[in-house]
Amino acid sequence: MKALVYGGPGIREWKDVPDAKIEAPTDAIVRVDTTTICGTDLHILKGDVAYIPAGRILGHEAVGTIVAQGDAVTETQVGDRVLVSCVNGCGRCKYCKQGRYGACLNGGGWILGHTVDGTQAELVRVQFADMSLYKVPEELDNESVIMLADALPTGYEIGVLNGRTQPGDVVVVIGAGPVGMSAIQTAQLHSPAHTIAVDFDEGRLEAARRLGADLTIKPNEDVRALVDSVTDGLGADVVIEAVGIPATLQQACTLVRNGGHIANVGVHGSPVELPMQDLWIHDITLTTGLIDGYTTADLLKMVQAGVLESKSLITHRFTLDQMMEAYDVFGNAAETKCLKAVLHRA
């Protein structure tokens, strides 16, 4: 089979590799029909996740068709069209029983394209298939659900829910990429008074307005003044950082009100100096975290019902054998205006 193989920082290749195969009775082999590239993949290629070895197949998002499965898999059958979650859970350990699948103690968590081979391939082995695969309703096409593999539940769980978003809150989202957009959209489920999107790219700000942001601004403008204008000078109730660089997390600290919440969603590859002398005395809650996927099933129902629509995040389309070109386009988003690139089996 063909796959996108990481060769070390800055090195990637679409090449022939051995076919994925069943290794445990809880495994399934999924033919990848649709996949996508995540900002985390770009972080890996930059060398920000130093312990990922050369030779790893990247990718952790897919919609596909089951072509084989182990004897212990009971929730699906060969031929089913399924969503592959970016997080795998054993379902038995202490953390999985709490719905914290990202912290699975038995070899689960974020493993695809990380500690095991991932989804940017013609076939992928999915461990703990009963906990990691979701049947796709017949009326939904692959593009309608691919964002549920990672971006939509990440923005919701690690941004909106970790930020304790409440009706009437003022929510600031720094970074209008796919995860930031997902946070903007799912924040509307909690009826905020205002949602402010912060990004340099005017095209992304326009998309953010379509998804629910009623106010938009660029980060080099007076963001605090805008926040003050709708909070009586108090600051935002919730600030969601969805970029992953020191400057944006530091900016979040300047925008939050006393007693407010900062939800860090961005993947950081270097240390961040924070003003703890201010955060502690102002009772600021700062959360971090890895997606658990405990909202995926509910979000899928919302997409099916038309409450959520994530297909509009897709701006570029490729076939699987155009993987290298897709990476070039997604990696140069400032020039190509790529928000999310998806790749389909030809």
C-alpha atoms as a PDB file:
ATOM      1  CA  MET A   1       0.000   0.000   0.000  1.00  0.00           C
ATOM      2  CA  LYS A   2       0.981   3.654  -0.335  1.00  0.00           C
ATOM      3  CA  ALA A   3       1.420   5.895   2.703  1.00  0.00           C
ATOM      4  CA  LEU A   4       2.818   9.260   3.798  1.00  0.00           C
ATOM      5  CA  VAL A   5       5.955   8.380   5.762  1.00  0.00           C
ATOM      6  CA  TYR A   6       7.749  10.731   8.154  1.00  0.00           C
ATOM      7  CA  GLY A   7      11.496  10.647   7.611  1.00  0.00           C
ATOM      8  CA  GLY A   8      12.594  13.037  10.346  1.00  0.00           C
ATOM      9  CA  PRO A   9      12.183  16.832  10.703  1.00  0.00           C
ATOM     10  CA  GLY A  10      11.271  18.338   7.340  1.00  0.00           C
ATOM     11  CA  ILE A  11      11.250  14.987   5.531  1.00  0.00           C
ATOM     12  CA  ARG A  12       8.132  13.234   4.205  1.00  0.00           C
ATOM     13  CA  GLU A  13       7.520  10.804   1.369  1.00  0.00           C
ATOM     14  CA  TRP A  14       4.497   9.147  -0.257  1.00  0.00           C
ATOM     15  CA  LYS A  15       5.764   5.640  -0.879  1.00  0.00           C
ATOM     16  CA  ASP A  16       5.127   1.902  -0.823  1.00  0.00           C
ATOM     17  CA  VAL A  17       4.973   0.258   2.618  1.00  0.00           C
ATOM     18  CA  PRO A  18       3.711  -3.135   3.850  1.00  0.00           C
ATOM     19  CA  ASP A  19      -0.072  -3.446   4.057  1.00  0.00           C
ATOM     20  CA  ALA A  20      -1.677  -2.825   7.445  1.00  0.00           C
ATOM     21  CA  LYS A  21      -2.765  -6.101   9.033  1.00  0.00           C
ATOM     22  CA  ILE A  22      -4.670  -7.446  12.037  1.00  0.00           C
ATOM     23  CA  GLU A  23      -2.374  -7.828  15.061  1.00  0.00           C
ATOM     24  CA  ALA A  24      -4.893  -8.211  17.894  1.00  0.00           C
ATOM     25  CA  PRO A  25      -8.473  -9.535  18.100  1.00  0.00           C
ATOM     26  CA  THR A  26      -9.720  -6.007  18.903  1.00  0.00           C
ATOM     27  CA  ASP A  27      -8.244  -4.538  15.675  1.00  0.00           C
ATOM     28  CA  ALA A  28      -9.947  -3.501  12.471  1.00  0.00           C
ATOM     29  CA  ILE A  29      -8.380  -2.734   9.123  1.00  0.00           C
ATOM     30  CA  VAL A  30     -10.017   0.250   7.442  1.00  0.00           C
ATOM     31  CA  ARG A  31      -9.628   1.155   3.795  1.00  0.00           C
ATOM     32  CA  VAL A  32      -9.087   4.899   3.862  1.00  0.00           C
ATOM     33  CA  ASP A  33     -11.621   6.586   1.586  1.00  0.00           C
ATOM     34  CA  THR A  34     -11.170  10.134   2.934  1.00  0.00           C
ATOM     35  CA  THR A  35      -8.453  11.615   5.109  1.00  0.00           C
ATOM     36  CA  THR A  36      -7.069  15.030   5.913  1.00  0.00           C
ATOM     37  CA  ILE A  37      -3.991  16.828   7.190  1.00  0.00           C
ATOM     38  CA  CYS A  38      -3.917  18.350  10.667  1.00  0.00           C
ATOM     39  CA  GLY A  39      -1.850  21.208  12.033  1.00  0.00           C
ATOM     40  CA  THR A  40      -0.392  18.638  14.413  1.00  0.00           C
ATOM     41  CA  ASP A  41       1.107  16.836  11.408  1.00  0.00           C
ATOM     42  CA  LEU A  42       2.901  20.053  10.513  1.00  0.00           C
ATOM     43  CA  HIS A  43       4.188  20.322  14.093  1.00  0.00           C
ATOM     44  CA  ILE A  44       5.552  16.780  13.780  1.00  0.00           C
ATOM     45  CA  LEU A  45       7.287  17.632  10.516  1.00  0.00           C
ATOM     46  CA  LYS A  46       8.862  20.683  12.144  1.00  0.00           C
ATOM     47  CA  GLY A  47      10.341  18.422  14.811  1.00  0.00           C
ATOM     48  CA  ASP A  48       8.107  19.729  17.623  1.00  0.00           C
ATOM     49  CA  VAL A  49       7.199  16.148  18.648  1.00  0.00           C
ATOM     50  CA  ALA A  50      10.741  14.880  18.920  1.00  0.00           C
ATOM     51  CA  TYR A  51      10.035  11.292  20.010  1.00  0.00           C
ATOM     52  CA  ILE A  52       8.161  10.295  16.837  1.00  0.00           C
ATOM     53  CA  PRO A  53      10.533   8.027  14.947  1.00  0.00           C
ATOM     54  CA  ALA A  54      11.470   8.214  11.299  1.00  0.00           C
ATOM     55  CA  GLY A  55       9.390   5.678   9.398  1.00  0.00           C
ATOM     56  CA  ARG A  56       6.093   6.515  11.083  1.00  0.00           C
ATOM     57  CA  ILE A  57       3.035   6.841   8.830  1.00  0.00           C
ATOM     58  CA  LEU A  58       1.391  10.144   9.738  1.00  0.00           C
ATOM     59  CA  GLY A  59      -2.276  11.062  10.073  1.00  0.00           C
ATOM     60  CA  HIS A  60      -5.005  10.521  12.651  1.00  0.00           C
ATOM     61  CA  GLU A  61      -8.268  11.375  10.835  1.00  0.00           C
ATOM     62  CA  ALA A  62     -10.208   9.259   8.338  1.00  0.00           C
ATOM     63  CA  VAL A  63     -13.491   8.014   7.024  1.00  0.00           C
ATOM     64  CA  GLY A  64     -13.307   4.621   5.407  1.00  0.00           C
ATOM     65  CA  THR A  65     -14.619   1.112   4.930  1.00  0.00           C
ATOM     66  CA  ILE A  66     -13.828  -1.875   7.144  1.00  0.00           C
ATOM     67  CA  VAL A  67     -12.111  -4.579   5.115  1.00  0.00           C
ATOM     68  CA  ALA A  68     -11.094  -6.895   7.984  1.00  0.00           C
ATOM     69  CA  GLN A  69     -11.553  -7.096  11.728  1.00  0.00           C
ATOM     70  CA  GLY A  70     -10.530  -9.225  14.665  1.00  0.00           C
ATOM     71  CA  ASP A  71     -12.723 -11.832  16.345  1.00  0.00           C
ATOM     72  CA  ALA A  72     -13.315  -9.618  19.414  1.00  0.00           C
ATOM     73  CA  VAL A  73     -14.804  -6.716  17.425  1.00  0.00           C
ATOM     74  CA  THR A  74     -18.592  -6.745  17.852  1.00  0.00           C
ATOM     75  CA  GLU A  75     -19.874  -3.214  17.112  1.00  0.00           C
ATOM     76  CA  THR A  76     -19.074  -3.213  13.393  1.00  0.00           C
ATOM     77  CA  GLN A  77     -18.718  -5.630  10.513  1.00  0.00           C
ATOM     78  CA  VAL A  78     -16.739  -5.853   7.307  1.00  0.00           C
ATOM     79  CA  GLY A  79     -18.197  -3.459   4.753  1.00  0.00           C
ATOM     80  CA  ASP A  80     -19.335  -0.810   7.237  1.00  0.00           C
ATOM     81  CA  ARG A  81     -18.463   2.802   6.460  1.00  0.00           C
ATOM     82  CA  VAL A  82     -16.930   4.282   9.582  1.00  0.00           C
ATOM     83  CA  LEU A  83     -15.421   7.417  11.074  1.00  0.00           C
ATOM     84  CA  VAL A  84     -11.967   6.769  12.533  1.00  0.00           C
ATOM     85  CA  SER A  85     -11.482   8.803  15.701  1.00  0.00           C
ATOM     86  CA  CYS A  86      -8.095  10.373  16.348  1.00  0.00           C
ATOM     87  CA  VAL A  87      -8.227   8.880  19.859  1.00  0.00           C
ATOM     88  CA  ASN A  88      -8.334   5.176  20.695  1.00  0.00           C
ATOM     89  CA  GLY A  89      -9.467   3.849  24.063  1.00  0.00           C
ATOM     90  CA  CYS A  90      -9.317   0.373  25.560  1.00  0.00           C
ATOM     91  CA  GLY A  91     -12.588   1.003  27.406  1.00  0.00           C
ATOM     92  CA  ARG A  92     -11.404  -0.875  30.497  1.00  0.00           C
ATOM     93  CA  CYS A  93      -8.753   1.160  32.295  1.00  0.00           C
ATOM     94  CA  LYS A  94      -9.393   3.753  35.010  1.00  0.00           C
ATOM     95  CA  TYR A  95      -9.273   6.693  32.633  1.00  0.00           C
ATOM     96  CA  CYS A  96     -11.381   5.132  29.878  1.00  0.00           C
ATOM     97  CA  LYS A  97     -14.095   4.368  32.445  1.00  0.00           C
ATOM     98  CA  GLN A  98     -14.127   8.100  33.201  1.00  0.00           C
ATOM     99  CA  GLY A  99     -14.442   8.953  29.508  1.00  0.00           C
ATOM    100  CA  ARG A 100     -10.851  10.203  29.419  1.00  0.00           C
ATOM    101  CA  TYR A 101      -9.794   8.097  26.450  1.00  0.00           C
ATOM    102  CA  GLY A 102      -6.870  10.370  25.654  1.00  0.00           C
ATOM    103  CA  ALA A 103      -5.201   9.147  28.849  1.00  0.00           C
ATOM    104  CA  CYS A 104      -5.823   5.427  28.202  1.00  0.00           C
ATOM    105  CA  LEU A 105      -3.410   3.264  30.202  1.00  0.00           C
ATOM    106  CA  ASN A 106      -3.524   0.214  27.918  1.00  0.00           C
ATOM    107  CA  GLY A 107      -1.977   1.480  24.742  1.00  0.00           C
ATOM    108  CA  GLY A 108      -4.713   3.870  23.618  1.00  0.00           C
ATOM    109  CA  GLY A 109      -4.963   7.657  23.567  1.00  0.00           C
ATOM    110  CA  TRP A 110      -3.598   9.634  20.646  1.00  0.00           C
ATOM    111  CA  ILE A 111      -1.645   6.854  18.970  1.00  0.00           C
ATOM    112  CA  LEU A 112      -2.506   7.054  15.244  1.00  0.00           C
ATOM    113  CA  GLY A 113       0.289   8.827  13.405  1.00  0.00           C
ATOM    114  CA  HIS A 114       2.025   9.189  16.750  1.00  0.00           C
ATOM    115  CA  THR A 115       3.032   5.953  18.445  1.00  0.00           C
ATOM    116  CA  VAL A 116       1.564   3.682  15.742  1.00  0.00           C
ATOM    117  CA  ASP A 117       1.076   4.110  11.997  1.00  0.00           C
ATOM    118  CA  GLY A 118      -1.683   6.488  11.004  1.00  0.00           C
ATOM    119  CA  THR A 119      -4.384   7.275   8.493  1.00  0.00           C
ATOM    120  CA  GLN A 120      -2.553   9.033   5.656  1.00  0.00           C
ATOM    121  CA  ALA A 121      -2.389   5.732   3.833  1.00  0.00           C
ATOM    122  CA  GLU A 122      -4.489   3.434   1.704  1.00  0.00           C
ATOM    123  CA  LEU A 123      -5.129   1.172   4.712  1.00  0.00           C
ATOM    124  CA  VAL A 124      -4.948   1.769   8.454  1.00  0.00           C
ATOM    125  CA  ARG A 125      -4.962  -0.582  11.427  1.00  0.00           C
ATOM    126  CA  VAL A 126      -7.334   0.744  14.093  1.00  0.00           C
ATOM    127  CA  GLN A 127      -6.790  -0.631  17.576  1.00  0.00           C
ATOM    128  CA  PHE A 128      -9.681  -1.046  20.052  1.00  0.00           C
ATOM    129  CA  ALA A 129     -12.069  -0.819  17.102  1.00  0.00           C
ATOM    130  CA  ASP A 130     -15.244  -1.029  19.195  1.00  0.00           C
ATOM    131  CA  MET A 131     -14.240   2.151  21.047  1.00  0.00           C
ATOM    132  CA  SER A 132     -12.578   3.954  18.153  1.00  0.00           C
ATOM    133  CA  LEU A 133     -14.912   3.606  15.164  1.00  0.00           C
ATOM    134  CA  TYR A 134     -18.310   5.223  14.549  1.00  0.00           C
ATOM    135  CA  LYS A 135     -20.719   4.025  11.878  1.00  0.00           C
ATOM    136  CA  VAL A 136     -21.507   6.815   9.421  1.00  0.00           C
ATOM    137  CA  PRO A 137     -25.233   7.337   8.704  1.00  0.00           C
ATOM    138  CA  GLU A 138     -26.106   6.568   5.090  1.00  0.00           C
ATOM    139  CA  GLU A 139     -27.386  10.077   4.370  1.00  0.00           C
ATOM    140  CA  LEU A 140     -24.070  11.727   5.293  1.00  0.00           C
ATOM    141  CA  ASP A 141     -21.173  11.879   2.849  1.00  0.00           C
ATOM    142  CA  ASN A 142     -17.570  11.522   3.967  1.00  0.00           C
ATOM    143  CA  GLU A 143     -16.844  15.248   3.868  1.00  0.00           C
ATOM    144  CA  SER A 144     -19.748  15.921   6.228  1.00  0.00           C
ATOM    145  CA  VAL A 145     -18.162  13.843   8.984  1.00  0.00           C
ATOM    146  CA  ILE A 146     -14.373  13.942   8.457  1.00  0.00           C
ATOM    147  CA  MET A 147     -14.022  16.944  10.831  1.00  0.00           C
ATOM    148  CA  LEU A 148     -15.533  14.785  13.569  1.00  0.00           C
ATOM    149  CA  ALA A 149     -12.363  12.705  13.586  1.00  0.00           C
ATOM    150  CA  ASP A 150     -10.480  15.486  15.372  1.00  0.00           C
ATOM    151  CA  ALA A 151     -11.115  19.195  14.723  1.00  0.00           C
ATOM    152  CA  LEU A 152     -14.753  19.478  15.798  1.00  0.00           C
ATOM    153  CA  PRO A 153     -14.561  17.462  19.053  1.00  0.00           C
ATOM    154  CA  THR A 154     -11.190  19.035  19.892  1.00  0.00           C
ATOM    155  CA  GLY A 155     -12.545  22.560  19.566  1.00  0.00           C
ATOM    156  CA  TYR A 156     -15.601  21.594  21.587  1.00  0.00           C
ATOM    157  CA  GLU A 157     -14.021  19.513  24.345  1.00  0.00           C
ATOM    158  CA  ILE A 158     -10.687  21.253  24.878  1.00  0.00           C
ATOM    159  CA  GLY A 159     -11.937  24.745  24.009  1.00  0.00           C
ATOM    160  CA  VAL A 160     -15.611  25.279  24.735  1.00  0.00           C
ATOM    161  CA  LEU A 161     -16.183  22.703  27.484  1.00  0.00           C
ATOM    162  CA  ASN A 162     -12.817  23.055  29.225  1.00  0.00           C
ATOM    163  CA  GLY A 163     -13.429  26.809  29.137  1.00  0.00           C
ATOM    164  CA  ARG A 164     -16.693  26.285  31.057  1.00  0.00           C
ATOM    165  CA  THR A 165     -18.599  28.340  28.507  1.00  0.00           C
ATOM    166  CA  GLN A 166     -21.975  29.500  29.839  1.00  0.00           C
ATOM    167  CA  PRO A 167     -24.975  31.308  28.319  1.00  0.00           C
ATOM    168  CA  GLY A 168     -24.274  35.023  28.115  1.00  0.00           C
ATOM    169  CA  ASP A 169     -20.488  34.645  28.173  1.00  0.00           C
ATOM    170  CA  VAL A 170     -18.101  36.622  26.013  1.00  0.00           C
ATOM    171  CA  VAL A 171     -15.852  34.090  24.277  1.00  0.00           C
ATOM    172  CA  VAL A 172     -12.625  35.019  22.491  1.00  0.00           C
ATOM    173  CA  VAL A 173     -11.066  32.503  20.102  1.00  0.00           C
ATOM    174  CA  ILE A 174      -7.473  33.266  19.149  1.00  0.00           C
ATOM    175  CA  GLY A 175      -6.662  31.503  15.896  1.00  0.00           C
ATOM    176  CA  ALA A 176      -9.305  30.826  13.244  1.00  0.00           C
ATOM    177  CA  GLY A 177      -7.872  27.617  11.869  1.00  0.00           C
ATOM    178  CA  PRO A 178      -9.966  24.435  11.679  1.00  0.00           C
ATOM    179  CA  VAL A 179      -9.910  23.826  15.444  1.00  0.00           C
ATOM    180  CA  GLY A 180     -10.519  27.476  16.242  1.00  0.00           C
ATOM    181  CA  MET A 181     -13.403  27.505  13.762  1.00  0.00           C
ATOM    182  CA  SER A 182     -14.772  24.376  15.423  1.00  0.00           C
ATOM    183  CA  ALA A 183     -14.629  26.111  18.802  1.00  0.00           C
ATOM    184  CA  ILE A 184     -16.444  29.134  17.362  1.00  0.00           C
ATOM    185  CA  GLN A 185     -19.187  26.977  15.897  1.00  0.00           C
ATOM    186  CA  THR A 186     -19.712  24.736  18.914  1.00  0.00           C
ATOM    187  CA  ALA A 187     -19.587  27.681  21.323  1.00  0.00           C
ATOM    188  CA  GLN A 188     -22.913  28.722  19.798  1.00  0.00           C
ATOM    189  CA  LEU A 189     -24.462  25.613  21.390  1.00  0.00           C
ATOM    190  CA  HIS A 190     -23.993  27.438  24.725  1.00  0.00           C
ATOM    191  CA  SER A 191     -25.567  30.771  23.674  1.00  0.00           C
ATOM    192  CA  PRO A 192     -22.688  33.180  24.302  1.00  0.00           C
ATOM    193  CA  ALA A 193     -23.467  36.894  24.269  1.00  0.00           C
ATOM    194  CA  HIS A 194     -20.541  37.530  21.947  1.00  0.00           C
ATOM    195  CA  THR A 195     -17.969  35.398  20.157  1.00  0.00           C
ATOM    196  CA  ILE A 196     -14.818  37.214  19.058  1.00  0.00           C
ATOM    197  CA  ALA A 197     -12.497  35.654  16.481  1.00  0.00           C
ATOM    198  CA  VAL A 198      -8.857  36.816  16.366  1.00  0.00           C
ATOM    199  CA  ASP A 199      -6.749  36.033  13.303  1.00  0.00           C
ATOM    200  CA  PHE A 200      -4.495  37.792  10.804  1.00  0.00           C
ATOM    201  CA  ASP A 201      -6.187  36.298   7.751  1.00  0.00           C
ATOM    202  CA  GLU A 202      -9.237  38.198   6.510  1.00  0.00           C
ATOM    203  CA  GLY A 203     -10.540  35.138   4.667  1.00  0.00           C
ATOM    204  CA  ARG A 204     -10.537  33.138   7.879  1.00  0.00           C
ATOM    205  CA  LEU A 205     -12.234  35.961   9.752  1.00  0.00           C
ATOM    206  CA  GLU A 206     -14.957  36.002   7.109  1.00  0.00           C
ATOM    207  CA  ALA A 207     -15.427  32.242   7.559  1.00  0.00           C
ATOM    208  CA  ALA A 208     -15.512  32.724  11.329  1.00  0.00           C
ATOM    209  CA  ARG A 209     -18.372  35.189  10.926  1.00  0.00           C
ATOM    210  CA  ARG A 210     -20.329  32.614   8.945  1.00  0.00           C
ATOM    211  CA  LEU A 211     -19.856  30.069  11.741  1.00  0.00           C
ATOM    212  CA  GLY A 212     -21.011  32.323  14.570  1.00  0.00           C
ATOM    213  CA  ALA A 213     -18.398  34.959  15.420  1.00  0.00           C
ATOM    214  CA  ASP A 214     -20.234  38.270  15.669  1.00  0.00           C
ATOM    215  CA  LEU A 215     -17.005  40.249  16.168  1.00  0.00           C
ATOM    216  CA  THR A 216     -13.649  39.774  14.436  1.00  0.00           C
ATOM    217  CA  ILE A 217     -10.274  41.470  14.775  1.00  0.00           C
ATOM    218  CA  LYS A 218      -6.634  40.990  13.853  1.00  0.00           C
ATOM    219  CA  PRO A 219      -4.166  40.228  16.676  1.00  0.00           C
ATOM    220  CA  ASN A 220      -2.021  43.289  15.978  1.00  0.00           C
ATOM    221  CA  GLU A 221      -5.033  45.548  16.525  1.00  0.00           C
ATOM    222  CA  ASP A 222      -6.388  46.610  19.934  1.00  0.00           C
ATOM    223  CA  VAL A 223      -8.034  43.338  20.873  1.00  0.00           C
ATOM    224  CA  ARG A 224      -8.346  44.289  24.535  1.00  0.00           C
ATOM    225  CA  ALA A 225     -10.255  47.456  23.656  1.00  0.00           C
ATOM    226  CA  LEU A 226     -12.745  45.410  21.615  1.00  0.00           C
ATOM    227  CA  VAL A 227     -13.178  42.953  24.469  1.00  0.00           C
ATOM    228  CA  ASP A 228     -13.628  45.800  26.953  1.00  0.00           C
ATOM    229  CA  SER A 229     -16.318  47.366  24.759  1.00  0.00           C
ATOM    230  CA  VAL A 230     -18.605  44.353  25.222  1.00  0.00           C
ATOM    231  CA  THR A 231     -17.675  43.436  28.812  1.00  0.00           C
ATOM    232  CA  ASP A 232     -17.831  46.806  30.602  1.00  0.00           C
ATOM    233  CA  GLY A 233     -14.064  46.663  30.815  1.00  0.00           C
ATOM    234  CA  LEU A 234     -13.983  43.372  32.743  1.00  0.00           C
ATOM    235  CA  GLY A 235     -12.434  41.122  30.103  1.00  0.00           C
ATOM    236  CA  ALA A 236     -13.606  37.938  28.420  1.00  0.00           C
ATOM    237  CA  ASP A 237     -15.231  35.115  30.350  1.00  0.00           C
ATOM    238  CA  VAL A 238     -13.514  32.510  28.169  1.00  0.00           C
ATOM    239  CA  VAL A 239     -10.418  32.814  25.999  1.00  0.00           C
ATOM    240  CA  ILE A 240      -9.632  29.853  23.743  1.00  0.00           C
ATOM    241  CA  GLU A 241      -6.052  29.744  22.431  1.00  0.00           C
ATOM    242  CA  ALA A 242      -6.020  27.733  19.194  1.00  0.00           C
ATOM    243  CA  VAL A 243      -2.653  28.557  17.634  1.00  0.00           C
ATOM    244  CA  GLY A 244       0.098  26.983  19.729  1.00  0.00           C
ATOM    245  CA  ILE A 245       2.807  29.644  19.972  1.00  0.00           C
ATOM    246  CA  PRO A 246       3.959  31.553  23.061  1.00  0.00           C
ATOM    247  CA  ALA A 247       2.649  34.935  21.850  1.00  0.00           C
ATOM    248  CA  THR A 248      -0.947  33.784  21.499  1.00  0.00           C
ATOM    249  CA  LEU A 249      -1.115  32.126  24.914  1.00  0.00           C
ATOM    250  CA  GLN A 250       0.448  35.217  26.443  1.00  0.00           C
ATOM    251  CA  GLN A 251      -2.126  37.367  24.645  1.00  0.00           C
ATOM    252  CA  ALA A 252      -4.891  35.200  26.093  1.00  0.00           C
ATOM    253  CA  CYS A 253      -3.671  36.130  29.570  1.00  0.00           C
ATOM    254  CA  THR A 254      -4.227  39.822  28.786  1.00  0.00           C
ATOM    255  CA  LEU A 255      -7.823  39.346  27.617  1.00  0.00           C
ATOM    256  CA  VAL A 256      -9.430  37.234  30.358  1.00  0.00           C
ATOM    257  CA  ARG A 257     -11.468  38.675  33.219  1.00  0.00           C
ATOM    258  CA  ASN A 258     -10.896  38.023  36.908  1.00  0.00           C
ATOM    259  CA  GLY A 259     -12.232  34.544  37.614  1.00  0.00           C
ATOM    260  CA  GLY A 260     -12.283  33.689  33.923  1.00  0.00           C
ATOM    261  CA  HIS A 261     -11.034  30.705  31.965  1.00  0.00           C
ATOM    262  CA  ILE A 262      -8.228  30.276  29.451  1.00  0.00           C
ATOM    263  CA  ALA A 263      -8.560  27.055  27.451  1.00  0.00           C
ATOM    264  CA  ASN A 264      -5.347  26.162  25.652  1.00  0.00           C
ATOM    265  CA  VAL A 265      -6.060  24.086  22.548  1.00  0.00           C
ATOM    266  CA  GLY A 266      -3.005  24.898  20.427  1.00  0.00           C
ATOM    267  CA  VAL A 267      -0.168  22.386  20.159  1.00  0.00           C
ATOM    268  CA  HIS A 268       2.906  24.052  21.666  1.00  0.00           C
ATOM    269  CA  GLY A 269       6.386  23.004  20.625  1.00  0.00           C
ATOM    270  CA  SER A 270       8.341  25.276  22.975  1.00  0.00           C
ATOM    271  CA  PRO A 271       8.068  26.592  26.562  1.00  0.00           C
ATOM    272  CA  VAL A 272       5.804  29.559  27.286  1.00  0.00           C
ATOM    273  CA  GLU A 273       6.531  32.163  29.953  1.00  0.00           C
ATOM    274  CA  LEU A 274       3.278  33.049  31.737  1.00  0.00           C
ATOM    275  CA  PRO A 275       2.524  35.937  34.149  1.00  0.00           C
ATOM    276  CA  MET A 276       1.736  33.688  37.101  1.00  0.00           C
ATOM    277  CA  GLN A 277       2.044  36.678  39.444  1.00  0.00           C
ATOM    278  CA  ASP A 278      -1.117  38.026  37.789  1.00  0.00           C
ATOM    279  CA  LEU A 279      -2.965  34.807  37.009  1.00  0.00           C
ATOM    280  CA  TRP A 280      -3.038  33.454  40.544  1.00  0.00           C
ATOM    281  CA  ILE A 281      -4.266  36.607  42.238  1.00  0.00           C
ATOM    282  CA  HIS A 282      -6.964  37.114  39.598  1.00  0.00           C
ATOM    283  CA  ASP A 283      -8.254  33.552  40.034  1.00  0.00           C
ATOM    284  CA  ILE A 284      -7.664  32.574  36.412  1.00  0.00           C
ATOM    285  CA  THR A 285      -8.226  28.952  35.426  1.00  0.00           C
ATOM    286  CA  LEU A 286      -5.871  27.726  32.692  1.00  0.00           C
ATOM    287  CA  THR A 287      -6.668  24.349  31.167  1.00  0.00           C
ATOM    288  CA  THR A 288      -4.747  22.215  28.729  1.00  0.00           C
ATOM    289  CA  GLY A 289      -5.532  18.807  27.391  1.00  0.00           C
ATOM    290  CA  LEU A 290      -5.742  16.212  24.684  1.00  0.00           C
ATOM    291  CA  ILE A 291      -9.037  15.393  23.021  1.00  0.00           C
ATOM    292  CA  ASP A 292     -10.819  12.413  24.584  1.00  0.00           C
ATOM    293  CA  GLY A 293     -13.533  12.031  21.960  1.00  0.00           C
ATOM    294  CA  TYR A 294     -16.309  11.624  24.524  1.00  0.00           C
ATOM    295  CA  THR A 295     -18.474  14.093  22.558  1.00  0.00           C
ATOM    296  CA  THR A 296     -17.952  12.521  19.119  1.00  0.00           C
ATOM    297  CA  ALA A 297     -21.135  10.441  19.100  1.00  0.00           C
ATOM    298  CA  ASP A 298     -23.273  13.411  20.154  1.00  0.00           C
ATOM    299  CA  LEU A 299     -21.640  15.728  17.635  1.00  0.00           C
ATOM    300  CA  LEU A 300     -22.303  13.138  14.917  1.00  0.00           C
ATOM    301  CA  LYS A 301     -26.000  13.251  15.839  1.00  0.00           C
ATOM    302  CA  MET A 302     -25.934  17.050  15.591  1.00  0.00           C
ATOM    303  CA  VAL A 303     -24.371  16.897  12.138  1.00  0.00           C
ATOM    304  CA  GLN A 304     -26.964  14.328  11.099  1.00  0.00           C
ATOM    305  CA  ALA A 305     -29.739  16.617  12.393  1.00  0.00           C
ATOM    306  CA  GLY A 306     -28.318  19.676  10.638  1.00  0.00           C
ATOM    307  CA  VAL A 307     -27.478  21.496  13.877  1.00  0.00           C
ATOM    308  CA  LEU A 308     -23.772  21.569  13.001  1.00  0.00           C
ATOM    309  CA  GLU A 309     -22.133  21.846   9.602  1.00  0.00           C
ATOM    310  CA  SER A 310     -18.385  21.415   9.289  1.00  0.00           C
ATOM    311  CA  LYS A 311     -18.111  20.734   5.564  1.00  0.00           C
ATOM    312  CA  SER A 312     -17.632  24.446   4.898  1.00  0.00           C
ATOM    313  CA  LEU A 313     -14.195  24.229   6.549  1.00  0.00           C
ATOM    314  CA  ILE A 314     -12.950  22.275   3.520  1.00  0.00           C
ATOM    315  CA  THR A 315     -11.290  24.559   1.002  1.00  0.00           C
ATOM    316  CA  HIS A 316      -9.058  22.197  -1.006  1.00  0.00           C
ATOM    317  CA  ARG A 317      -9.553  18.673  -2.321  1.00  0.00           C
ATOM    318  CA  PHE A 318      -7.030  16.122  -3.579  1.00  0.00           C
ATOM    319  CA  THR A 319      -6.731  12.418  -4.306  1.00  0.00           C
ATOM    320  CA  LEU A 320      -4.623  10.238  -2.032  1.00  0.00           C
ATOM    321  CA  ASP A 321      -1.816  10.047  -4.566  1.00  0.00           C
ATOM    322  CA  GLN A 322      -1.618  13.854  -4.443  1.00  0.00           C
ATOM    323  CA  MET A 323      -0.583  13.705  -0.778  1.00  0.00           C
ATOM    324  CA  MET A 324       2.712  15.543  -1.279  1.00  0.00           C
ATOM    325  CA  GLU A 325       0.991  18.381  -3.126  1.00  0.00           C
ATOM    326  CA  ALA A 326      -1.706  18.558  -0.453  1.00  0.00           C
ATOM    327  CA  TYR A 327       0.963  18.988   2.241  1.00  0.00           C
ATOM    328  CA  ASP A 328       2.564  21.794   0.237  1.00  0.00           C
ATOM    329  CA  VAL A 329      -0.769  23.590  -0.059  1.00  0.00           C
ATOM    330  CA  PHE A 330      -1.795  23.100   3.583  1.00  0.00           C
ATOM    331  CA  GLY A 331       1.665  23.971   4.868  1.00  0.00           C
ATOM    332  CA  ASN A 332       1.563  27.292   3.002  1.00  0.00           C
ATOM    333  CA  ALA A 333      -1.930  28.285   4.096  1.00  0.00           C
ATOM    334  CA  ALA A 334      -1.088  31.981   4.324  1.00  0.00           C
ATOM    335  CA  GLU A 335      -0.491  32.001   0.570  1.00  0.00           C
ATOM    336  CA  THR A 336      -2.888  29.291  -0.601  1.00  0.00           C
ATOM    337  CA  LYS A 337      -5.764  30.318   1.737  1.00  0.00           C
ATOM    338  CA  CYS A 338      -6.163  26.662   2.651  1.00  0.00           C
ATOM    339  CA  LEU A 339      -8.257  26.103   5.731  1.00  0.00           C
ATOM    340  CA  LYS A 340      -8.697  22.343   5.507  1.00  0.00           C
ATOM    341  CA  ALA A 341      -7.520  20.007   2.757  1.00  0.00           C
ATOM    342  CA  VAL A 342      -9.147  16.622   2.325  1.00  0.00           C
ATOM    343  CA  LEU A 343      -7.911  13.706   0.261  1.00  0.00           C
ATOM    344  CA  HIS A 344     -10.183  11.095  -1.305  1.00  0.00           C
ATOM    345  CA  ARG A 345      -9.490   7.669  -2.711  1.00  0.00           C
ATOM    346  CA  ALA A 346      -9.453   8.056  -6.479  1.00  0.00           C
END
